[in-house]
Amino acid sequence: MKAYYYRMVQGVQVKAWLALIVPWIAAVPAFAQTDSDTNGTGTSHGFAVSDGDTVKFGKQRVRLFGIDAPEKGQPCDDGHWYPGPLATKALVAFIAGRPVSCHQVDYDHKNNRPVAVCFAGKDDLQALMVGAGWAWAYTAYSDQYVDAERQAAARGVGVHAHHCQPPWEWRALKRAER
């Protein structure tokens, strides 16, 4: 791979080995801090938790693969409980100041963002969210987290302890109301 360019600086040829530098920079993991140097939403050092199924590395939003967490304004229990902010806090807590790495597996063209499997240390963040009941397995795209959802529902944790509609159904109803 010879992706480099030449530039003359005071008669000396300088090579910028982009083929080596760019992949190396892309491979360096982003670090997520969630202790005292954050604003309470998991924001630090260019990393942020946007909601229960989305993180940001700088300006780049990344959708967590195979799960769908409750939306910020999505009500449960006939409008008496709003789990979206709690799902966001759960994701921040699961990260717990550890390095976050994501491996892109798809691209969401509608929302112009990568879809990735993300880990805090070695822990699968998607599995943690679904297993704790803070997200549903998003079976329209993957069945990878279906067993974790079944177990969470059987334990009655998170959204499964309440009368909640899956977010994809809630969004469809909101679109139909417009």
N, C-alpha and C. Protein backbone atom coordinates (compact mmCIF):
# COMPACT_ATOMS: atom_id res chain seq x y z
N MET A 1 0.85 -1.17 0.00
CA MET A 1 0.00 0.00 0.00
C MET A 1 0.90 1.23 0.00
N LYS A 2 0.93 1.99 -1.08
CA LYS A 2 1.80 3.15 -1.19
C LYS A 2 0.97 4.42 -1.24
N ALA A 3 0.27 4.71 -0.15
CA ALA A 3 -0.53 5.92 -0.08
C ALA A 3 0.25 6.97 0.69
N TYR A 4 1.19 7.58 0.04
CA TYR A 4 1.95 8.65 0.65
C TYR A 4 2.13 9.76 -0.37
N TYR A 5 2.50 10.91 0.11
CA TYR A 5 2.72 12.01 -0.81
C TYR A 5 4.05 12.67 -0.48
N TYR A 6 4.53 13.46 -1.41
CA TYR A 6 5.83 14.11 -1.26
C TYR A 6 5.64 15.62 -1.14
N ARG A 7 6.48 16.24 -0.35
CA ARG A 7 6.48 17.69 -0.23
C ARG A 7 7.92 18.15 -0.10
N MET A 8 8.28 19.18 -0.82
CA MET A 8 9.64 19.70 -0.74
C MET A 8 9.71 20.75 0.36
N VAL A 9 10.61 20.58 1.30
CA VAL A 9 10.81 21.54 2.37
C VAL A 9 12.30 21.87 2.39
N GLN A 10 12.68 23.07 2.01
CA GLN A 10 14.06 23.54 1.94
C GLN A 10 14.94 22.54 1.20
N GLY A 11 14.43 22.04 0.07
CA GLY A 11 15.21 21.16 -0.77
C GLY A 11 15.27 19.72 -0.28
N VAL A 12 14.60 19.39 0.80
CA VAL A 12 14.60 18.03 1.33
C VAL A 12 13.23 17.42 1.07
N GLN A 13 13.23 16.22 0.57
CA GLN A 13 11.98 15.54 0.28
C GLN A 13 11.46 14.90 1.57
N VAL A 14 10.21 15.27 1.98
CA VAL A 14 9.61 14.74 3.20
C VAL A 14 8.48 13.81 2.80
N LYS A 15 8.51 12.60 3.29
CA LYS A 15 7.45 11.63 3.00
C LYS A 15 6.50 11.55 4.19
N ALA A 16 5.23 11.68 3.91
CA ALA A 16 4.21 11.46 4.95
C ALA A 16 3.59 10.10 4.68
N TRP A 17 3.88 9.18 5.45
CA TRP A 17 3.43 7.80 5.24
C TRP A 17 2.00 7.65 5.71
N LEU A 18 1.07 8.18 4.94
CA LEU A 18 -0.34 8.13 5.29
C LEU A 18 -0.84 6.70 5.44
N ALA A 19 -0.26 5.80 4.66
CA ALA A 19 -0.70 4.41 4.74
C ALA A 19 -0.44 3.83 6.11
N LEU A 20 0.53 4.35 6.83
CA LEU A 20 0.84 3.86 8.17
C LEU A 20 0.18 4.69 9.26
N ILE A 21 0.16 6.00 9.05
CA ILE A 21 -0.34 6.89 10.09
C ILE A 21 -1.86 6.84 10.22
N VAL A 22 -2.59 6.93 9.12
CA VAL A 22 -4.05 6.98 9.18
C VAL A 22 -4.65 5.73 9.83
N PRO A 23 -4.26 4.52 9.42
CA PRO A 23 -4.83 3.34 10.10
C PRO A 23 -4.46 3.28 11.58
N TRP A 24 -3.24 3.72 11.91
CA TRP A 24 -2.83 3.69 13.31
C TRP A 24 -3.72 4.62 14.14
N ILE A 25 -3.97 5.83 13.64
CA ILE A 25 -4.81 6.78 14.35
C ILE A 25 -6.22 6.22 14.50
N ALA A 26 -6.73 5.60 13.46
CA ALA A 26 -8.08 5.04 13.52
C ALA A 26 -8.17 3.88 14.49
N ALA A 27 -7.06 3.20 14.73
CA ALA A 27 -7.09 2.04 15.62
C ALA A 27 -6.95 2.40 17.08
N VAL A 28 -6.51 3.61 17.39
CA VAL A 28 -6.36 4.01 18.77
C VAL A 28 -7.74 4.11 19.41
N PRO A 29 -7.99 3.38 20.50
CA PRO A 29 -9.32 3.38 21.10
C PRO A 29 -9.65 4.71 21.76
N ALA A 30 -10.92 5.05 21.71
CA ALA A 30 -11.41 6.24 22.42
C ALA A 30 -11.65 5.85 23.86
N PHE A 31 -11.46 6.78 24.75
CA PHE A 31 -11.66 6.47 26.15
C PHE A 31 -12.88 7.21 26.67
N ALA A 32 -13.70 6.50 27.41
CA ALA A 32 -14.90 7.08 28.00
C ALA A 32 -14.69 7.21 29.50
N GLN A 33 -14.90 8.39 30.02
CA GLN A 33 -14.79 8.60 31.45
C GLN A 33 -16.18 8.90 31.98
N THR A 34 -16.51 8.34 33.10
CA THR A 34 -17.82 8.62 33.67
C THR A 34 -17.72 8.96 35.15
N ASP A 35 -16.55 9.39 35.62
CA ASP A 35 -16.46 9.79 37.01
C ASP A 35 -16.60 11.29 37.14
N SER A 36 -15.86 11.90 38.04
CA SER A 36 -16.06 13.31 38.37
C SER A 36 -15.74 14.27 37.23
N ASP A 37 -15.04 13.83 36.19
CA ASP A 37 -14.70 14.75 35.11
C ASP A 37 -15.71 14.72 33.97
N THR A 38 -16.92 14.31 34.26
CA THR A 38 -17.96 14.27 33.25
C THR A 38 -19.10 15.19 33.65
N ASN A 39 -20.05 15.36 32.74
CA ASN A 39 -21.19 16.21 33.02
C ASN A 39 -22.41 15.42 33.44
N GLY A 40 -22.25 14.15 33.78
CA GLY A 40 -23.38 13.34 34.22
C GLY A 40 -24.02 12.55 33.10
N THR A 41 -23.65 12.83 31.85
CA THR A 41 -24.22 12.08 30.74
C THR A 41 -23.15 11.24 30.05
N GLY A 42 -22.02 11.05 30.70
CA GLY A 42 -20.97 10.23 30.12
C GLY A 42 -20.14 10.98 29.10
N THR A 43 -20.06 12.30 29.21
CA THR A 43 -19.30 13.10 28.25
C THR A 43 -17.92 13.40 28.80
N SER A 44 -16.90 13.05 28.05
CA SER A 44 -15.54 13.37 28.45
C SER A 44 -14.59 13.03 27.31
N HIS A 45 -13.56 13.83 27.17
CA HIS A 45 -12.49 13.55 26.21
C HIS A 45 -13.02 13.24 24.82
N GLY A 46 -14.07 13.92 24.37
CA GLY A 46 -14.60 13.71 23.04
C GLY A 46 -15.55 12.54 22.92
N PHE A 47 -15.77 11.81 23.97
CA PHE A 47 -16.71 10.68 23.97
C PHE A 47 -17.95 11.08 24.75
N ALA A 48 -19.12 10.65 24.27
CA ALA A 48 -20.36 10.95 24.99
C ALA A 48 -21.37 9.84 24.76
N VAL A 49 -22.20 9.63 25.75
CA VAL A 49 -23.36 8.77 25.61
C VAL A 49 -24.51 9.69 25.24
N SER A 50 -25.10 9.48 24.07
CA SER A 50 -26.21 10.33 23.61
C SER A 50 -27.54 9.87 24.18
N ASP A 51 -27.77 8.56 24.14
CA ASP A 51 -28.97 7.97 24.70
C ASP A 51 -28.69 6.49 24.93
N GLY A 52 -29.70 5.71 25.19
CA GLY A 52 -29.49 4.31 25.54
C GLY A 52 -28.98 3.41 24.44
N ASP A 53 -28.98 3.89 23.20
CA ASP A 53 -28.46 3.07 22.10
C ASP A 53 -27.59 3.86 21.12
N THR A 54 -27.06 5.00 21.58
CA THR A 54 -26.21 5.83 20.72
C THR A 54 -25.09 6.44 21.54
N VAL A 55 -23.87 6.37 21.00
CA VAL A 55 -22.72 7.03 21.61
C VAL A 55 -22.11 7.97 20.58
N LYS A 56 -21.25 8.87 21.04
CA LYS A 56 -20.57 9.80 20.14
C LYS A 56 -19.08 9.77 20.41
N PHE A 57 -18.31 9.73 19.34
CA PHE A 57 -16.87 9.90 19.39
C PHE A 57 -16.61 11.22 18.69
N GLY A 58 -16.38 12.27 19.45
CA GLY A 58 -16.30 13.61 18.86
C GLY A 58 -17.66 13.97 18.30
N LYS A 59 -17.70 14.32 17.03
CA LYS A 59 -18.97 14.67 16.40
C LYS A 59 -19.66 13.46 15.77
N GLN A 60 -18.97 12.32 15.72
CA GLN A 60 -19.52 11.14 15.05
C GLN A 60 -20.44 10.34 15.97
N ARG A 61 -21.72 10.31 15.63
CA ARG A 61 -22.68 9.49 16.37
C ARG A 61 -22.58 8.06 15.87
N VAL A 62 -22.66 7.09 16.80
CA VAL A 62 -22.58 5.68 16.48
C VAL A 62 -23.76 4.97 17.12
N ARG A 63 -24.54 4.27 16.31
CA ARG A 63 -25.72 3.52 16.78
C ARG A 63 -25.26 2.15 17.22
N LEU A 64 -25.67 1.74 18.43
CA LEU A 64 -25.34 0.40 18.91
C LEU A 64 -26.13 -0.64 18.12
N PHE A 65 -25.44 -1.65 17.67
CA PHE A 65 -26.00 -2.68 16.80
C PHE A 65 -26.94 -3.62 17.56
N GLY A 66 -28.06 -3.94 16.93
CA GLY A 66 -28.93 -5.02 17.39
C GLY A 66 -29.80 -4.74 18.58
N ILE A 67 -29.82 -3.48 19.05
CA ILE A 67 -30.67 -3.14 20.19
C ILE A 67 -31.43 -1.85 19.89
N ASP A 68 -32.53 -1.66 20.63
CA ASP A 68 -33.29 -0.42 20.53
C ASP A 68 -33.72 -0.05 21.94
N ALA A 69 -33.23 1.07 22.44
CA ALA A 69 -33.53 1.54 23.79
C ALA A 69 -34.70 2.52 23.73
N PRO A 70 -35.40 2.69 24.85
CA PRO A 70 -36.52 3.64 24.87
C PRO A 70 -36.07 5.05 24.51
N GLU A 71 -36.92 5.75 23.79
CA GLU A 71 -36.63 7.13 23.39
C GLU A 71 -36.77 8.07 24.60
N LYS A 72 -36.14 9.23 24.51
CA LYS A 72 -36.14 10.19 25.61
C LYS A 72 -37.55 10.53 26.09
N GLY A 73 -38.45 10.80 25.19
CA GLY A 73 -39.81 11.20 25.56
C GLY A 73 -40.83 10.09 25.50
N GLN A 74 -40.38 8.86 25.42
CA GLN A 74 -41.30 7.72 25.28
C GLN A 74 -41.89 7.33 26.63
N PRO A 75 -43.21 7.41 26.77
CA PRO A 75 -43.84 7.06 28.04
C PRO A 75 -44.15 5.56 28.15
N CYS A 76 -44.16 5.10 29.38
CA CYS A 76 -44.62 3.75 29.71
C CYS A 76 -45.65 3.90 30.83
N ASP A 77 -46.31 2.81 31.15
CA ASP A 77 -47.31 2.84 32.23
C ASP A 77 -48.30 3.99 32.06
N ASP A 78 -48.86 4.09 30.84
CA ASP A 78 -49.85 5.13 30.53
C ASP A 78 -49.36 6.54 30.85
N GLY A 79 -48.09 6.80 30.56
CA GLY A 79 -47.54 8.14 30.74
C GLY A 79 -47.01 8.44 32.12
N HIS A 80 -46.92 7.45 32.99
CA HIS A 80 -46.46 7.70 34.36
C HIS A 80 -44.98 7.38 34.57
N TRP A 81 -44.32 6.82 33.56
CA TRP A 81 -42.91 6.45 33.70
C TRP A 81 -42.20 6.65 32.37
N TYR A 82 -41.07 7.32 32.40
CA TYR A 82 -40.30 7.62 31.20
C TYR A 82 -38.91 6.97 31.32
N PRO A 83 -38.72 5.82 30.68
CA PRO A 83 -37.47 5.07 30.85
C PRO A 83 -36.29 5.57 30.02
N GLY A 84 -36.50 6.42 29.02
CA GLY A 84 -35.41 6.85 28.15
C GLY A 84 -34.21 7.41 28.90
N PRO A 85 -34.42 8.40 29.79
CA PRO A 85 -33.27 8.93 30.54
C PRO A 85 -32.62 7.88 31.45
N LEU A 86 -33.40 6.95 31.95
CA LEU A 86 -32.84 5.89 32.79
C LEU A 86 -31.98 4.94 31.97
N ALA A 87 -32.40 4.67 30.74
CA ALA A 87 -31.60 3.83 29.84
C ALA A 87 -30.26 4.52 29.53
N THR A 88 -30.29 5.83 29.33
CA THR A 88 -29.06 6.58 29.08
C THR A 88 -28.13 6.47 30.28
N LYS A 89 -28.67 6.65 31.48
CA LYS A 89 -27.86 6.54 32.70
C LYS A 89 -27.31 5.13 32.86
N ALA A 90 -28.09 4.13 32.49
CA ALA A 90 -27.61 2.75 32.59
C ALA A 90 -26.41 2.53 31.67
N LEU A 91 -26.46 3.05 30.45
CA LEU A 91 -25.34 2.89 29.53
C LEU A 91 -24.09 3.58 30.09
N VAL A 92 -24.26 4.77 30.66
CA VAL A 92 -23.13 5.48 31.29
C VAL A 92 -22.56 4.62 32.42
N ALA A 93 -23.43 4.03 33.23
CA ALA A 93 -22.99 3.21 34.35
C ALA A 93 -22.27 1.94 33.88
N PHE A 94 -22.75 1.33 32.80
CA PHE A 94 -22.09 0.13 32.27
C PHE A 94 -20.69 0.45 31.74
N ILE A 95 -20.51 1.63 31.19
CA ILE A 95 -19.19 2.03 30.69
C ILE A 95 -18.24 2.26 31.85
N ALA A 96 -18.71 2.94 32.88
CA ALA A 96 -17.99 3.10 34.15
C ALA A 96 -16.53 3.53 33.98
N GLY A 97 -16.29 4.48 33.10
CA GLY A 97 -14.95 5.02 32.97
C GLY A 97 -13.96 4.16 32.20
N ARG A 98 -14.43 3.08 31.62
CA ARG A 98 -13.53 2.18 30.90
C ARG A 98 -13.38 2.61 29.44
N PRO A 99 -12.32 2.13 28.78
CA PRO A 99 -12.19 2.40 27.36
C PRO A 99 -13.36 1.81 26.58
N VAL A 100 -13.87 2.55 25.62
CA VAL A 100 -14.95 2.09 24.76
C VAL A 100 -14.39 1.90 23.35
N SER A 101 -14.65 0.74 22.79
CA SER A 101 -14.25 0.49 21.40
C SER A 101 -15.45 -0.04 20.64
N CYS A 102 -15.54 0.34 19.39
CA CYS A 102 -16.67 -0.06 18.56
C CYS A 102 -16.16 -0.64 17.25
N HIS A 103 -16.82 -1.66 16.78
CA HIS A 103 -16.50 -2.28 15.50
C HIS A 103 -17.71 -2.11 14.58
N GLN A 104 -17.55 -1.32 13.53
CA GLN A 104 -18.67 -1.04 12.63
C GLN A 104 -19.10 -2.31 11.89
N VAL A 105 -20.42 -2.57 11.90
CA VAL A 105 -20.96 -3.75 11.22
C VAL A 105 -21.98 -3.36 10.14
N ASP A 106 -22.41 -2.09 10.15
CA ASP A 106 -23.41 -1.64 9.18
C ASP A 106 -23.38 -0.12 9.13
N TYR A 107 -24.23 0.45 8.29
CA TYR A 107 -24.33 1.90 8.19
C TYR A 107 -25.80 2.28 8.09
N ASP A 108 -26.23 3.20 8.92
CA ASP A 108 -27.60 3.70 8.93
C ASP A 108 -27.67 4.90 7.98
N HIS A 109 -28.10 4.65 6.75
CA HIS A 109 -28.13 5.72 5.74
C HIS A 109 -29.20 6.76 6.06
N LYS A 110 -30.28 6.36 6.69
CA LYS A 110 -31.35 7.29 7.03
C LYS A 110 -30.85 8.36 8.00
N ASN A 111 -30.08 7.95 8.99
CA ASN A 111 -29.58 8.89 10.00
C ASN A 111 -28.11 9.23 9.82
N ASN A 112 -27.52 8.76 8.72
CA ASN A 112 -26.14 9.09 8.37
C ASN A 112 -25.15 8.81 9.50
N ARG A 113 -25.14 7.56 9.96
CA ARG A 113 -24.21 7.19 11.04
C ARG A 113 -23.87 5.70 10.96
N PRO A 114 -22.69 5.35 11.45
CA PRO A 114 -22.32 3.94 11.48
C PRO A 114 -23.12 3.20 12.55
N VAL A 115 -23.29 1.92 12.34
CA VAL A 115 -23.91 1.02 13.31
C VAL A 115 -22.80 0.07 13.73
N ALA A 116 -22.58 -0.07 15.04
CA ALA A 116 -21.42 -0.82 15.51
C ALA A 116 -21.72 -1.63 16.75
N VAL A 117 -20.95 -2.69 16.92
CA VAL A 117 -20.94 -3.45 18.17
C VAL A 117 -19.90 -2.77 19.04
N CYS A 118 -20.30 -2.34 20.24
CA CYS A 118 -19.41 -1.56 21.10
C CYS A 118 -19.16 -2.29 22.42
N PHE A 119 -17.96 -2.09 22.91
CA PHE A 119 -17.51 -2.74 24.13
C PHE A 119 -16.93 -1.72 25.10
N ALA A 120 -17.17 -1.92 26.38
CA ALA A 120 -16.49 -1.19 27.44
C ALA A 120 -15.53 -2.20 28.04
N GLY A 121 -14.26 -1.97 27.81
CA GLY A 121 -13.30 -3.02 28.14
C GLY A 121 -13.62 -4.21 27.27
N LYS A 122 -13.92 -5.35 27.89
CA LYS A 122 -14.28 -6.56 27.14
C LYS A 122 -15.78 -6.85 27.18
N ASP A 123 -16.56 -5.97 27.84
CA ASP A 123 -17.99 -6.19 28.01
C ASP A 123 -18.79 -5.66 26.82
N ASP A 124 -19.64 -6.50 26.27
CA ASP A 124 -20.53 -6.16 25.16
C ASP A 124 -21.62 -5.23 25.69
N LEU A 125 -21.57 -3.95 25.32
CA LEU A 125 -22.53 -2.97 25.84
C LEU A 125 -23.96 -3.29 25.44
N GLN A 126 -24.14 -3.82 24.23
CA GLN A 126 -25.48 -4.18 23.77
C GLN A 126 -26.08 -5.26 24.66
N ALA A 127 -25.30 -6.30 24.94
CA ALA A 127 -25.77 -7.40 25.79
C ALA A 127 -26.09 -6.91 27.20
N LEU A 128 -25.26 -6.01 27.72
CA LEU A 128 -25.52 -5.46 29.05
C LEU A 128 -26.83 -4.69 29.09
N MET A 129 -27.05 -3.85 28.07
CA MET A 129 -28.28 -3.04 28.03
C MET A 129 -29.53 -3.91 27.93
N VAL A 130 -29.50 -4.89 27.04
CA VAL A 130 -30.67 -5.76 26.87
C VAL A 130 -30.84 -6.66 28.09
N GLY A 131 -29.75 -7.20 28.59
CA GLY A 131 -29.81 -8.10 29.74
C GLY A 131 -30.33 -7.44 31.00
N ALA A 132 -30.10 -6.13 31.13
CA ALA A 132 -30.59 -5.39 32.29
C ALA A 132 -31.99 -4.82 32.07
N GLY A 133 -32.53 -5.04 30.88
CA GLY A 133 -33.89 -4.57 30.59
C GLY A 133 -33.97 -3.12 30.17
N TRP A 134 -32.85 -2.51 29.78
CA TRP A 134 -32.87 -1.11 29.36
C TRP A 134 -32.93 -0.94 27.85
N ALA A 135 -33.02 -2.05 27.13
CA ALA A 135 -33.18 -2.01 25.67
C ALA A 135 -33.81 -3.33 25.23
N TRP A 136 -34.40 -3.30 24.06
CA TRP A 136 -34.96 -4.50 23.45
C TRP A 136 -34.00 -5.01 22.39
N ALA A 137 -34.06 -6.30 22.11
CA ALA A 137 -33.35 -6.84 20.95
C ALA A 137 -34.05 -6.27 19.73
N TYR A 138 -33.30 -5.68 18.82
CA TYR A 138 -33.88 -5.04 17.63
C TYR A 138 -33.88 -6.09 16.52
N THR A 139 -34.89 -6.96 16.55
CA THR A 139 -34.93 -8.14 15.69
C THR A 139 -35.13 -7.82 14.21
N ALA A 140 -35.48 -6.59 13.89
CA ALA A 140 -35.56 -6.21 12.47
C ALA A 140 -34.16 -6.23 11.84
N TYR A 141 -33.12 -6.15 12.68
CA TYR A 141 -31.75 -6.10 12.18
C TYR A 141 -30.88 -7.26 12.66
N SER A 142 -31.23 -7.87 13.79
CA SER A 142 -30.41 -8.96 14.32
C SER A 142 -31.18 -9.71 15.40
N ASP A 143 -30.88 -10.99 15.53
CA ASP A 143 -31.46 -11.76 16.63
C ASP A 143 -30.41 -12.08 17.68
N GLN A 144 -29.28 -11.40 17.62
CA GLN A 144 -28.15 -11.67 18.50
C GLN A 144 -28.48 -11.52 19.98
N TYR A 145 -29.40 -10.63 20.33
CA TYR A 145 -29.67 -10.33 21.74
C TYR A 145 -31.05 -10.82 22.19
N VAL A 146 -31.67 -11.68 21.41
CA VAL A 146 -33.01 -12.19 21.74
C VAL A 146 -33.01 -12.97 23.05
N ASP A 147 -32.03 -13.84 23.26
CA ASP A 147 -31.98 -14.61 24.50
C ASP A 147 -31.79 -13.72 25.71
N ALA A 148 -30.97 -12.70 25.59
CA ALA A 148 -30.77 -11.75 26.69
C ALA A 148 -32.08 -11.02 27.01
N GLU A 149 -32.85 -10.68 25.97
CA GLU A 149 -34.14 -10.03 26.21
C GLU A 149 -35.11 -10.97 26.90
N ARG A 150 -35.16 -12.21 26.46
CA ARG A 150 -36.05 -13.20 27.09
C ARG A 150 -35.72 -13.35 28.58
N GLN A 151 -34.45 -13.41 28.90
CA GLN A 151 -34.04 -13.55 30.29
C GLN A 151 -34.40 -12.31 31.11
N ALA A 152 -34.21 -11.13 30.54
CA ALA A 152 -34.57 -9.89 31.23
C ALA A 152 -36.08 -9.82 31.46
N ALA A 153 -36.85 -10.22 30.46
CA ALA A 153 -38.31 -10.22 30.60
C ALA A 153 -38.75 -11.22 31.66
N ALA A 154 -38.12 -12.37 31.70
CA ALA A 154 -38.46 -13.39 32.70
C ALA A 154 -38.16 -12.89 34.11
N ARG A 155 -37.09 -12.10 34.26
CA ARG A 155 -36.74 -11.53 35.56
C ARG A 155 -37.56 -10.29 35.88
N GLY A 156 -38.24 -9.72 34.88
CA GLY A 156 -39.04 -8.51 35.09
C GLY A 156 -38.21 -7.29 35.45
N VAL A 157 -37.10 -7.09 34.73
CA VAL A 157 -36.22 -5.96 35.04
C VAL A 157 -36.36 -4.86 33.98
N GLY A 158 -36.02 -3.63 34.39
CA GLY A 158 -36.04 -2.49 33.47
C GLY A 158 -37.41 -2.27 32.86
N VAL A 159 -37.45 -2.13 31.54
CA VAL A 159 -38.71 -1.87 30.84
C VAL A 159 -39.68 -3.04 30.98
N HIS A 160 -39.16 -4.23 31.27
CA HIS A 160 -40.01 -5.42 31.39
C HIS A 160 -40.77 -5.45 32.72
N ALA A 161 -40.45 -4.54 33.63
CA ALA A 161 -41.18 -4.42 34.89
C ALA A 161 -42.35 -3.45 34.75
N HIS A 162 -42.52 -2.92 33.55
CA HIS A 162 -43.55 -1.91 33.30
C HIS A 162 -44.28 -2.24 32.01
N HIS A 163 -45.37 -1.53 31.78
CA HIS A 163 -46.11 -1.68 30.53
C HIS A 163 -45.50 -0.70 29.53
N CYS A 164 -44.58 -1.22 28.71
CA CYS A 164 -43.86 -0.39 27.75
C CYS A 164 -44.01 -0.95 26.34
N GLN A 165 -44.06 -0.06 25.42
CA GLN A 165 -44.11 -0.41 24.01
C GLN A 165 -42.68 -0.36 23.46
N PRO A 166 -42.28 -1.32 22.64
CA PRO A 166 -40.95 -1.23 22.05
C PRO A 166 -40.80 0.08 21.27
N PRO A 167 -39.62 0.66 21.27
CA PRO A 167 -39.41 1.97 20.66
C PRO A 167 -39.78 2.04 19.18
N TRP A 168 -39.53 0.97 18.41
CA TRP A 168 -39.85 1.01 16.98
C TRP A 168 -41.36 1.12 16.78
N GLU A 169 -42.15 0.51 17.66
CA GLU A 169 -43.61 0.65 17.57
C GLU A 169 -44.04 2.05 17.99
N TRP A 170 -43.43 2.58 19.05
CA TRP A 170 -43.76 3.93 19.52
C TRP A 170 -43.42 4.97 18.45
N ARG A 171 -42.25 4.82 17.81
CA ARG A 171 -41.89 5.77 16.75
C ARG A 171 -42.86 5.69 15.58
N ALA A 172 -43.29 4.49 15.22
CA ALA A 172 -44.25 4.32 14.11
C ALA A 172 -45.57 5.02 14.45
N LEU A 173 -46.03 4.91 15.68
CA LEU A 173 -47.26 5.59 16.08
C LEU A 173 -47.09 7.11 16.03
N LYS A 174 -45.92 7.59 16.46
CA LYS A 174 -45.67 9.04 16.43
C LYS A 174 -45.65 9.55 15.00
N ARG A 175 -45.07 8.77 14.07
CA ARG A 175 -45.05 9.17 12.65
C ARG A 175 -46.47 9.18 12.09
N ALA A 176 -47.29 8.20 12.47
CA ALA A 176 -48.67 8.12 11.97
C ALA A 176 -49.53 9.28 12.48
N GLU A 177 -49.19 9.82 13.64
CA GLU A 177 -49.94 10.95 14.20
C GLU A 177 -49.68 12.25 13.45
N ARG A 178 -48.60 12.34 12.72
CA ARG A 178 -48.24 13.59 12.02
C ARG A 178 -49.09 13.81 10.82
